[in-house]
Amino acid sequence: MPFEILKIALLLLCLACPFPAIAKEPIHVVQGMVVKVADGDTITVNSDGNKVKVRLYGIDAPEVQRMNHKTGYVSKLGQPYGDEASRALASKVLRQRVRVEVMDIDRYRRSVCVVWKDGRNVNQEMVAEGWAWAYRQYLDRPHSSEYVSLEEKARRLHRGLWTQGNPMPPWEFRKLQRIQ
């Protein structure tokens, strides 16, 4: 009987004092110069002579069209606002020193990072300005609520890509391209 009371007391204590959500900590921090912007969510950072391909954590921007300039062959279709998202990211970080917090390495061997410029979270800025979706599938708590709130506000205010009626998310666009 005393053991049952102890279990109930412990359960009540846990319910009364919930544990805080623990954010995923960076696995590595890199500082360097952004030497390339591939699209609205991918950059290349030169850190001490090493080029690091960086995928911005927690966001997914519209796809840009890829074309062979010699042949004119389009190897990958783009989405509306793909070029605009790419230009928005470039205006923030291209040829600028940034701090990147490496959160993960993706299946393409890119560093998945939170990018900081002058104390500003560039990833969140891209969502807040309507140039990217909050990539819910890959967001960890408590980051998810921050990014989702920024996306919802950008939608309400019709910022960036949200000037379109119902834009297709990039993950759906990519899936559709694989089917065709």
C-alpha atoms as a PDB file:
ATOM      1  CA  MET A   1       0.000   0.000   0.000  1.00  0.00           C
ATOM      2  CA  PRO A   2       2.741   2.577   0.837  1.00  0.00           C
ATOM      3  CA  PHE A   3       4.327   1.850  -2.580  1.00  0.00           C
ATOM      4  CA  GLU A   4       1.030   2.737  -4.321  1.00  0.00           C
ATOM      5  CA  ILE A   5       0.839   6.020  -2.415  1.00  0.00           C
ATOM      6  CA  LEU A   6       4.433   6.819  -3.419  1.00  0.00           C
ATOM      7  CA  LYS A   7       3.635   6.155  -7.104  1.00  0.00           C
ATOM      8  CA  ILE A   8       0.556   8.401  -6.940  1.00  0.00           C
ATOM      9  CA  ALA A   9       2.521  11.155  -5.180  1.00  0.00           C
ATOM     10  CA  LEU A  10       5.267  10.951  -7.816  1.00  0.00           C
ATOM     11  CA  LEU A  11       2.693  11.107 -10.618  1.00  0.00           C
ATOM     12  CA  LEU A  12       1.034  14.171  -9.057  1.00  0.00           C
ATOM     13  CA  LEU A  13       4.436  15.842  -8.654  1.00  0.00           C
ATOM     14  CA  CYS A  14       5.237  15.260 -12.334  1.00  0.00           C
ATOM     15  CA  LEU A  15       1.883  16.678 -13.391  1.00  0.00           C
ATOM     16  CA  ALA A  16       2.273  19.708 -11.125  1.00  0.00           C
ATOM     17  CA  CYS A  17       5.833  20.440 -12.285  1.00  0.00           C
ATOM     18  CA  PRO A  18       6.020  19.659 -16.001  1.00  0.00           C
ATOM     19  CA  PHE A  19       9.484  19.427 -17.505  1.00  0.00           C
ATOM     20  CA  PRO A  20      10.351  22.280 -19.884  1.00  0.00           C
ATOM     21  CA  ALA A  21      10.654  21.533 -23.594  1.00  0.00           C
ATOM     22  CA  ILE A  22      14.316  21.102 -24.414  1.00  0.00           C
ATOM     23  CA  ALA A  23      15.523  22.650 -27.657  1.00  0.00           C
ATOM     24  CA  LYS A  24      17.969  20.721 -29.765  1.00  0.00           C
ATOM     25  CA  GLU A  25      21.439  22.141 -29.255  1.00  0.00           C
ATOM     26  CA  PRO A  26      23.799  22.800 -32.184  1.00  0.00           C
ATOM     27  CA  ILE A  27      26.350  20.066 -32.808  1.00  0.00           C
ATOM     28  CA  HIS A  28      28.909  22.540 -34.146  1.00  0.00           C
ATOM     29  CA  VAL A  29      29.241  26.288 -34.776  1.00  0.00           C
ATOM     30  CA  VAL A  30      30.990  27.720 -37.846  1.00  0.00           C
ATOM     31  CA  GLN A  31      31.740  31.309 -38.818  1.00  0.00           C
ATOM     32  CA  GLY A  32      32.582  32.414 -42.305  1.00  0.00           C
ATOM     33  CA  MET A  33      31.747  34.303 -45.475  1.00  0.00           C
ATOM     34  CA  VAL A  34      28.753  33.373 -47.645  1.00  0.00           C
ATOM     35  CA  VAL A  35      30.204  32.805 -51.117  1.00  0.00           C
ATOM     36  CA  LYS A  36      27.121  31.405 -52.886  1.00  0.00           C
ATOM     37  CA  VAL A  37      23.335  31.415 -52.600  1.00  0.00           C
ATOM     38  CA  ALA A  38      21.925  28.415 -54.485  1.00  0.00           C
ATOM     39  CA  ASP A  39      18.256  29.160 -53.739  1.00  0.00           C
ATOM     40  CA  GLY A  40      16.037  30.465 -50.937  1.00  0.00           C
ATOM     41  CA  ASP A  41      17.182  27.870 -48.412  1.00  0.00           C
ATOM     42  CA  THR A  42      20.707  26.795 -49.433  1.00  0.00           C
ATOM     43  CA  ILE A  43      24.003  28.697 -49.221  1.00  0.00           C
ATOM     44  CA  THR A  44      27.729  27.967 -49.301  1.00  0.00           C
ATOM     45  CA  VAL A  45      29.900  29.345 -46.504  1.00  0.00           C
ATOM     46  CA  ASN A  46      33.692  29.640 -46.728  1.00  0.00           C
ATOM     47  CA  SER A  47      35.122  29.023 -43.275  1.00  0.00           C
ATOM     48  CA  ASP A  48      38.913  29.160 -43.079  1.00  0.00           C
ATOM     49  CA  GLY A  49      39.251  27.936 -46.664  1.00  0.00           C
ATOM     50  CA  ASN A  50      36.707  25.125 -46.250  1.00  0.00           C
ATOM     51  CA  LYS A  51      33.488  25.466 -48.229  1.00  0.00           C
ATOM     52  CA  VAL A  52      30.470  24.250 -46.293  1.00  0.00           C
ATOM     53  CA  LYS A  53      27.173  23.682 -48.107  1.00  0.00           C
ATOM     54  CA  VAL A  54      24.425  24.841 -45.741  1.00  0.00           C
ATOM     55  CA  ARG A  55      20.714  23.995 -45.831  1.00  0.00           C
ATOM     56  CA  LEU A  56      18.774  26.451 -43.669  1.00  0.00           C
ATOM     57  CA  TYR A  57      17.175  24.665 -40.725  1.00  0.00           C
ATOM     58  CA  GLY A  58      13.405  24.685 -40.336  1.00  0.00           C
ATOM     59  CA  ILE A  59      12.462  26.308 -43.627  1.00  0.00           C
ATOM     60  CA  ASP A  60      11.612  25.247 -47.169  1.00  0.00           C
ATOM     61  CA  ALA A  61      11.662  27.886 -49.912  1.00  0.00           C
ATOM     62  CA  PRO A  62      10.086  27.630 -53.377  1.00  0.00           C
ATOM     63  CA  GLU A  63      12.210  25.740 -55.895  1.00  0.00           C
ATOM     64  CA  VAL A  64      14.259  27.667 -58.461  1.00  0.00           C
ATOM     65  CA  GLN A  65      14.561  26.603 -62.085  1.00  0.00           C
ATOM     66  CA  ARG A  66      17.867  24.989 -63.047  1.00  0.00           C
ATOM     67  CA  MET A  67      19.050  25.387 -66.616  1.00  0.00           C
ATOM     68  CA  ASN A  68      22.189  24.572 -68.594  1.00  0.00           C
ATOM     69  CA  HIS A  69      23.111  27.991 -69.985  1.00  0.00           C
ATOM     70  CA  LYS A  70      25.091  26.507 -72.885  1.00  0.00           C
ATOM     71  CA  THR A  71      22.357  24.192 -74.165  1.00  0.00           C
ATOM     72  CA  GLY A  72      19.293  25.974 -72.799  1.00  0.00           C
ATOM     73  CA  TYR A  73      18.085  22.648 -71.367  1.00  0.00           C
ATOM     74  CA  VAL A  74      15.950  23.006 -68.236  1.00  0.00           C
ATOM     75  CA  SER A  75      17.054  20.266 -65.844  1.00  0.00           C
ATOM     76  CA  LYS A  76      14.711  21.255 -63.019  1.00  0.00           C
ATOM     77  CA  LEU A  77      11.508  23.259 -63.082  1.00  0.00           C
ATOM     78  CA  GLY A  78      11.038  26.136 -60.704  1.00  0.00           C
ATOM     79  CA  GLN A  79       8.128  27.491 -58.717  1.00  0.00           C
ATOM     80  CA  PRO A  80       6.596  30.942 -58.513  1.00  0.00           C
ATOM     81  CA  TYR A  81       8.619  33.077 -56.091  1.00  0.00           C
ATOM     82  CA  GLY A  82      11.619  30.719 -56.232  1.00  0.00           C
ATOM     83  CA  ASP A  83      13.850  33.383 -57.769  1.00  0.00           C
ATOM     84  CA  GLU A  84      12.478  36.056 -55.437  1.00  0.00           C
ATOM     85  CA  ALA A  85      13.204  33.900 -52.378  1.00  0.00           C
ATOM     86  CA  SER A  86      16.730  33.280 -53.645  1.00  0.00           C
ATOM     87  CA  ARG A  87      17.300  37.010 -54.166  1.00  0.00           C
ATOM     88  CA  ALA A  88      15.877  37.791 -50.709  1.00  0.00           C
ATOM     89  CA  LEU A  89      18.334  35.382 -49.081  1.00  0.00           C
ATOM     90  CA  ALA A  90      21.208  36.729 -51.187  1.00  0.00           C
ATOM     91  CA  SER A  91      20.401  40.307 -50.131  1.00  0.00           C
ATOM     92  CA  LYS A  92      20.699  39.236 -46.497  1.00  0.00           C
ATOM     93  CA  VAL A  93      23.870  37.124 -46.547  1.00  0.00           C
ATOM     94  CA  LEU A  94      25.774  37.004 -49.857  1.00  0.00           C
ATOM     95  CA  ARG A  95      29.387  38.185 -49.364  1.00  0.00           C
ATOM     96  CA  GLN A  96      28.603  38.697 -45.673  1.00  0.00           C
ATOM     97  CA  ARG A  97      30.131  37.108 -42.577  1.00  0.00           C
ATOM     98  CA  VAL A  98      27.680  34.811 -40.825  1.00  0.00           C
ATOM     99  CA  ARG A  99      27.582  32.448 -37.881  1.00  0.00           C
ATOM    100  CA  VAL A 100      26.008  29.071 -38.570  1.00  0.00           C
ATOM    101  CA  GLU A 101      24.832  26.663 -35.909  1.00  0.00           C
ATOM    102  CA  VAL A 102      24.956  23.153 -37.343  1.00  0.00           C
ATOM    103  CA  MET A 103      21.871  21.279 -36.124  1.00  0.00           C
ATOM    104  CA  ASP A 104      22.165  18.178 -38.305  1.00  0.00           C
ATOM    105  CA  ILE A 105      23.662  16.712 -41.493  1.00  0.00           C
ATOM    106  CA  ASP A 106      21.083  15.802 -44.161  1.00  0.00           C
ATOM    107  CA  ARG A 107      21.048  12.874 -46.577  1.00  0.00           C
ATOM    108  CA  TYR A 108      22.784  15.028 -49.226  1.00  0.00           C
ATOM    109  CA  ARG A 109      25.641  15.681 -46.750  1.00  0.00           C
ATOM    110  CA  ARG A 110      24.684  19.329 -46.322  1.00  0.00           C
ATOM    111  CA  SER A 111      24.987  20.940 -42.923  1.00  0.00           C
ATOM    112  CA  VAL A 112      21.488  21.838 -41.716  1.00  0.00           C
ATOM    113  CA  CYS A 113      21.975  25.117 -39.873  1.00  0.00           C
ATOM    114  CA  VAL A 114      20.494  28.138 -38.215  1.00  0.00           C
ATOM    115  CA  VAL A 115      22.165  31.106 -39.920  1.00  0.00           C
ATOM    116  CA  TRP A 116      22.855  34.238 -37.883  1.00  0.00           C
ATOM    117  CA  LYS A 117      23.771  37.636 -39.324  1.00  0.00           C
ATOM    118  CA  ASP A 118      24.457  40.471 -36.877  1.00  0.00           C
ATOM    119  CA  GLY A 119      22.444  38.715 -34.158  1.00  0.00           C
ATOM    120  CA  ARG A 120      19.446  38.129 -36.461  1.00  0.00           C
ATOM    121  CA  ASN A 121      18.077  34.647 -37.193  1.00  0.00           C
ATOM    122  CA  VAL A 122      18.058  34.645 -41.015  1.00  0.00           C
ATOM    123  CA  ASN A 123      16.003  31.430 -41.181  1.00  0.00           C
ATOM    124  CA  GLN A 124      13.180  33.029 -39.212  1.00  0.00           C
ATOM    125  CA  GLU A 125      13.427  36.240 -41.252  1.00  0.00           C
ATOM    126  CA  MET A 126      12.880  34.270 -44.467  1.00  0.00           C
ATOM    127  CA  VAL A 127       9.665  32.781 -43.051  1.00  0.00           C
ATOM    128  CA  ALA A 128       8.493  36.070 -41.499  1.00  0.00           C
ATOM    129  CA  GLU A 129       8.943  37.924 -44.797  1.00  0.00           C
ATOM    130  CA  GLY A 130       7.015  35.265 -46.701  1.00  0.00           C
ATOM    131  CA  TRP A 131       9.898  33.772 -48.691  1.00  0.00           C
ATOM    132  CA  ALA A 132       9.701  30.291 -47.150  1.00  0.00           C
ATOM    133  CA  TRP A 133       7.438  27.844 -45.357  1.00  0.00           C
ATOM    134  CA  ALA A 134       8.051  26.616 -41.835  1.00  0.00           C
ATOM    135  CA  TYR A 135       9.285  23.089 -42.609  1.00  0.00           C
ATOM    136  CA  ARG A 136       7.174  21.429 -39.921  1.00  0.00           C
ATOM    137  CA  GLN A 137       8.366  17.911 -40.738  1.00  0.00           C
ATOM    138  CA  TYR A 138      11.904  18.767 -39.624  1.00  0.00           C
ATOM    139  CA  LEU A 139      11.331  21.320 -36.855  1.00  0.00           C
ATOM    140  CA  ASP A 140      12.132  20.367 -33.269  1.00  0.00           C
ATOM    141  CA  ARG A 141      10.339  21.770 -30.237  1.00  0.00           C
ATOM    142  CA  PRO A 142      10.215  24.599 -29.230  1.00  0.00           C
ATOM    143  CA  HIS A 143      11.426  25.942 -32.595  1.00  0.00           C
ATOM    144  CA  SER A 144       8.311  24.656 -34.348  1.00  0.00           C
ATOM    145  CA  SER A 145       5.918  27.077 -32.668  1.00  0.00           C
ATOM    146  CA  GLU A 146       8.166  30.062 -33.447  1.00  0.00           C
ATOM    147  CA  TYR A 147       8.502  29.224 -37.133  1.00  0.00           C
ATOM    148  CA  VAL A 148       4.822  28.254 -37.551  1.00  0.00           C
ATOM    149  CA  SER A 149       3.696  31.511 -35.910  1.00  0.00           C
ATOM    150  CA  LEU A 150       5.934  33.517 -38.243  1.00  0.00           C
ATOM    151  CA  GLU A 151       4.509  31.682 -41.272  1.00  0.00           C
ATOM    152  CA  GLU A 152       0.914  32.241 -40.138  1.00  0.00           C
ATOM    153  CA  LYS A 153       1.572  35.979 -39.686  1.00  0.00           C
ATOM    154  CA  ALA A 154       3.206  36.236 -43.142  1.00  0.00           C
ATOM    155  CA  ARG A 155       0.144  34.475 -44.624  1.00  0.00           C
ATOM    156  CA  ARG A 156      -2.281  36.850 -42.874  1.00  0.00           C
ATOM    157  CA  LEU A 157      -0.326  39.880 -44.075  1.00  0.00           C
ATOM    158  CA  HIS A 158       0.078  38.474 -47.642  1.00  0.00           C
ATOM    159  CA  ARG A 159       3.852  38.847 -47.579  1.00  0.00           C
ATOM    160  CA  GLY A 160       6.128  37.437 -50.275  1.00  0.00           C
ATOM    161  CA  LEU A 161       4.832  34.198 -51.778  1.00  0.00           C
ATOM    162  CA  TRP A 162       1.613  34.550 -49.757  1.00  0.00           C
ATOM    163  CA  THR A 163       0.364  37.136 -52.260  1.00  0.00           C
ATOM    164  CA  GLN A 164      -0.627  34.027 -54.265  1.00  0.00           C
ATOM    165  CA  GLY A 165      -3.991  32.497 -53.492  1.00  0.00           C
ATOM    166  CA  ASN A 166      -2.839  29.022 -52.486  1.00  0.00           C
ATOM    167  CA  PRO A 167       0.857  28.431 -53.217  1.00  0.00           C
ATOM    168  CA  MET A 168       2.092  24.854 -53.548  1.00  0.00           C
ATOM    169  CA  PRO A 169       4.580  23.915 -50.832  1.00  0.00           C
ATOM    170  CA  PRO A 170       8.005  22.905 -52.200  1.00  0.00           C
ATOM    171  CA  TRP A 171       7.811  19.373 -50.743  1.00  0.00           C
ATOM    172  CA  GLU A 172       4.590  18.773 -52.722  1.00  0.00           C
ATOM    173  CA  PHE A 173       6.122  20.350 -55.852  1.00  0.00           C
ATOM    174  CA  ARG A 174       9.187  18.075 -55.609  1.00  0.00           C
ATOM    175  CA  LYS A 175       6.999  15.019 -55.110  1.00  0.00           C
ATOM    176  CA  LEU A 176       4.941  15.949 -58.183  1.00  0.00           C
ATOM    177  CA  GLN A 177       8.157  16.375 -60.239  1.00  0.00           C
ATOM    178  CA  ARG A 178       9.324  12.877 -59.294  1.00  0.00           C
ATOM    179  CA  ILE A 179       6.005  11.375 -60.415  1.00  0.00           C
ATOM    180  CA  GLN A 180       6.073  13.043 -63.850  1.00  0.00           C
END
